[in-house]
Protein backbone atom coordinates (compact mmCIF):
# COMPACT_ATOMS: atom_id res chain seq x y z
CA MET A 1 -15.99 6.52 -2.56
CA LEU A 2 -14.83 4.25 -5.47
CA GLN A 3 -12.36 5.95 -7.55
CA PHE A 4 -12.74 5.42 -11.35
CA ASN A 5 -11.79 7.22 -14.47
CA GLU A 6 -10.90 6.66 -18.21
CA ASP A 7 -7.19 6.08 -17.17
CA LEU A 8 -8.41 2.83 -15.46
CA VAL A 9 -10.04 1.50 -18.59
CA LEU A 10 -8.19 -0.71 -21.10
CA ILE A 11 -9.90 -0.89 -24.45
CA ASP A 12 -9.23 -3.57 -27.02
CA PHE A 13 -6.64 -5.02 -24.76
CA ASP A 14 -4.60 -7.84 -26.20
CA ALA A 15 -3.34 -10.21 -23.44
CA ALA A 16 -1.96 -13.68 -23.43
CA ASP A 17 -3.68 -14.84 -20.32
CA SER A 18 -5.57 -13.73 -17.15
CA THR A 19 -2.30 -13.01 -15.30
CA THR A 20 -1.32 -10.53 -17.92
CA VAL A 21 -4.60 -8.84 -17.74
CA ILE A 22 -4.68 -8.52 -13.96
CA LYS A 23 -1.15 -7.32 -13.84
CA ALA A 24 -1.71 -4.52 -16.46
CA MET A 25 -4.91 -3.37 -14.50
CA SER A 26 -3.17 -3.57 -11.08
CA ASP A 27 -0.13 -1.60 -12.58
CA ARG A 28 -2.51 1.22 -13.52
CA LEU A 29 -4.03 1.31 -10.02
CA TYR A 30 -0.54 1.25 -8.47
CA ALA A 31 0.63 4.06 -10.72
CA ARG A 32 -2.07 6.29 -9.41
CA GLY A 33 -1.30 5.18 -5.78
CA PHE A 34 -4.62 3.43 -5.28
CA VAL A 35 -3.14 0.12 -4.36
CA SER A 36 0.31 -1.23 -3.09
CA GLU A 37 2.86 -2.62 -5.54
CA LEU A 38 2.00 -6.16 -4.38
CA TYR A 39 -1.74 -5.90 -5.15
CA GLY A 40 -1.46 -7.48 -8.60
CA GLN A 41 0.41 -10.54 -7.16
CA GLN A 42 -2.12 -10.72 -4.24
CA THR A 43 -4.95 -10.69 -6.70
CA ILE A 44 -3.35 -13.33 -8.98
CA SER A 45 -2.79 -15.62 -5.94
CA ARG A 46 -6.40 -15.13 -4.74
CA GLU A 47 -7.65 -15.94 -8.23
CA GLU A 48 -5.84 -19.26 -8.18
CA LYS A 49 -7.62 -20.17 -4.94
CA HIS A 50 -10.96 -18.48 -5.34
CA PRO A 51 -11.81 -17.97 -9.06
CA THR A 52 -13.95 -15.15 -10.08
CA GLY A 53 -15.05 -16.01 -13.66
CA LEU A 54 -18.71 -15.87 -14.31
CA PRO A 55 -20.62 -17.55 -17.30
CA THR A 56 -22.67 -14.53 -18.26
CA GLU A 57 -24.30 -13.97 -21.50
CA PRO A 58 -23.58 -13.11 -24.29
CA PHE A 59 -20.00 -13.65 -23.02
CA CYS A 60 -18.07 -14.25 -19.90
CA ILE A 61 -16.77 -11.82 -17.42
CA ALA A 62 -14.41 -11.94 -14.31
CA PHE A 63 -14.14 -9.79 -11.19
CA PRO A 64 -10.68 -10.48 -9.83
CA HIS A 65 -9.75 -8.85 -6.41
CA ALA A 66 -7.68 -9.31 -3.42
CA ASP A 67 -8.25 -8.61 0.37
CA ALA A 68 -8.29 -4.97 1.41
CA GLU A 69 -4.74 -5.37 2.65
CA GLY A 70 -2.72 -3.37 0.03
CA VAL A 71 -5.57 -1.15 -1.04
CA ASN A 72 -5.01 2.71 -0.30
CA VAL A 73 -8.14 3.94 -2.04
CA SER A 74 -11.24 1.89 -3.15
CA SER A 75 -11.06 1.83 -6.90
CA LEU A 76 -12.09 0.02 -10.09
CA ALA A 77 -10.15 -0.85 -13.22
CA VAL A 78 -11.82 -2.33 -16.32
CA ALA A 79 -10.27 -4.22 -19.32
CA ILE A 80 -12.25 -4.94 -22.49
CA LEU A 81 -10.33 -7.59 -24.32
CA ARG A 82 -9.63 -7.94 -27.91
CA ASN A 83 -9.60 -11.73 -27.56
CA PRO A 84 -10.84 -13.79 -24.63
CA VAL A 85 -8.50 -15.10 -21.96
CA VAL A 86 -9.29 -18.07 -19.61
CA PHE A 87 -10.45 -17.57 -16.09
CA LYS A 88 -11.75 -20.33 -13.90
CA ASN A 89 -15.60 -20.33 -13.26
CA MET A 90 -16.31 -19.21 -9.79
CA ALA A 91 -19.08 -21.79 -9.32
CA ASP A 92 -17.03 -24.61 -10.85
CA PRO A 93 -13.25 -24.12 -10.50
CA ASP A 94 -12.67 -27.00 -12.91
CA GLU A 95 -14.23 -25.12 -15.74
CA ASP A 96 -12.52 -22.65 -17.99
CA LEU A 97 -14.37 -19.69 -19.09
CA LEU A 98 -13.35 -17.46 -22.10
CA VAL A 99 -13.62 -13.99 -20.55
CA TYR A 100 -13.92 -10.72 -22.60
CA ILE A 101 -14.47 -8.23 -19.81
CA VAL A 102 -12.51 -8.12 -16.73
CA LEU A 103 -13.30 -5.77 -13.68
CA LEU A 104 -10.52 -5.48 -11.22
CA LEU A 105 -11.93 -4.33 -7.80
CA ALA A 106 -9.79 -2.89 -5.13
CA ASN A 107 -12.02 -2.12 -2.01
CA LYS A 108 -10.63 -0.85 1.21
CA LYS A 109 -13.69 -1.85 3.33
CA PRO A 110 -15.36 -5.11 2.85
CA GLU A 111 -18.76 -3.61 2.91
CA GLU A 112 -17.78 -1.44 -0.13
CA GLN A 113 -16.75 -4.66 -1.99
CA ILE A 114 -20.18 -6.30 -1.27
CA GLU A 115 -21.97 -3.16 -2.49
CA THR A 116 -19.82 -2.82 -5.59
CA LEU A 117 -20.26 -6.53 -6.51
CA ARG A 118 -24.01 -6.27 -6.00
CA LYS A 119 -24.25 -3.34 -8.35
CA LEU A 120 -22.03 -5.00 -11.03
CA ALA A 121 -24.04 -8.27 -10.63
CA ILE A 122 -27.27 -6.44 -11.20
CA LEU A 123 -25.90 -4.67 -14.23
CA PHE A 124 -24.23 -7.56 -15.92
CA GLY A 125 -27.16 -9.82 -15.31
CA GLN A 126 -28.49 -7.93 -18.42
CA PRO A 127 -26.90 -9.35 -21.64
CA GLU A 128 -27.58 -6.17 -23.53
CA LYS A 129 -25.56 -4.19 -20.85
CA LEU A 130 -22.57 -6.34 -21.36
CA SER A 131 -22.84 -5.87 -25.22
CA GLU A 132 -23.16 -2.07 -24.68
CA LEU A 133 -19.99 -1.95 -22.56
CA ARG A 134 -18.03 -4.12 -24.96
CA SER A 135 -18.90 -1.95 -27.86
CA GLN A 136 -17.66 1.18 -26.44
CA PRO A 137 -14.99 2.68 -28.93
CA THR A 138 -12.74 4.43 -26.35
CA SER A 139 -11.75 4.35 -22.75
CA ALA A 140 -13.45 7.74 -22.20
CA SER A 141 -16.75 6.41 -23.56
CA ALA A 142 -16.50 3.17 -21.54
CA ALA A 143 -15.76 5.05 -18.38
CA THR A 144 -18.72 7.54 -19.07
CA TRP A 145 -20.98 4.47 -19.81
CA LEU A 146 -19.92 2.66 -16.54
CA ARG A 147 -20.20 5.82 -14.42
CA LEU A 148 -23.73 6.35 -15.60
CA GLU A 149 -24.75 2.65 -15.14
CA LEU A 150 -23.11 2.25 -11.74
CA SER A 151 -23.94 5.77 -10.48
CA LEU A 152 -20.24 6.57 -10.06
CA SER A 153 -18.71 10.02 -9.85
CA GLU A 154 -15.83 10.98 -11.90
CA SER A 155 -12.40 10.99 -10.32
CA SER A 156 -9.16 11.76 -11.71
CA GLU A 157 -7.35 12.03 -8.36
CA SER A 158 -4.31 10.17 -7.32
CA VAL A 159 -3.66 9.42 -3.72
CA GLY A 160 -1.66 12.52 -3.15
CA GLU A 161 -4.46 14.68 -4.71
CA VAL A 162 -6.98 12.87 -2.58
CA ARG A 163 -4.95 13.57 0.54
CA LYS A 164 -4.59 17.26 -0.26
CA GLY A 165 -8.30 17.50 -0.75
CA GLY A 166 -8.95 16.12 2.69
CA LEU A 167 -10.77 12.99 1.55
CA LEU A 168 -8.48 10.46 3.24
């Protein structure tokens, strides 16, 4: 099950570049025990070789992620940026895209990643949905909106709490 809650949503986040965004998001996942301490750097390194920016409308988004190594619990972190940062276009790595929403994926199993990406692609192929997400005023409202749109359950568990509950 994909872990996601309002603690993993950065609203009106001000970042100098894509590396800063990825680091802030991976730090949140790491603090909850969902990924290893190195997951952020693994994601940044992967982004350099395999960019994840998408030229969606009405603004661009990115789906940075690393391989399953370093993922303890499948999870999602989201950053809605105050000002866009540059990510390279997935389809044309020479093209810079100004990205306003970043969704950091951490999937333990490859098939989960494919399913998550499929759900996100369907959702964000609809420009009005991107605008709705970007207009959310709080982390809580953005988390609620995404949970409803992606059919995710609410989770506030850390790895320790998940282990106690017998889910791992």
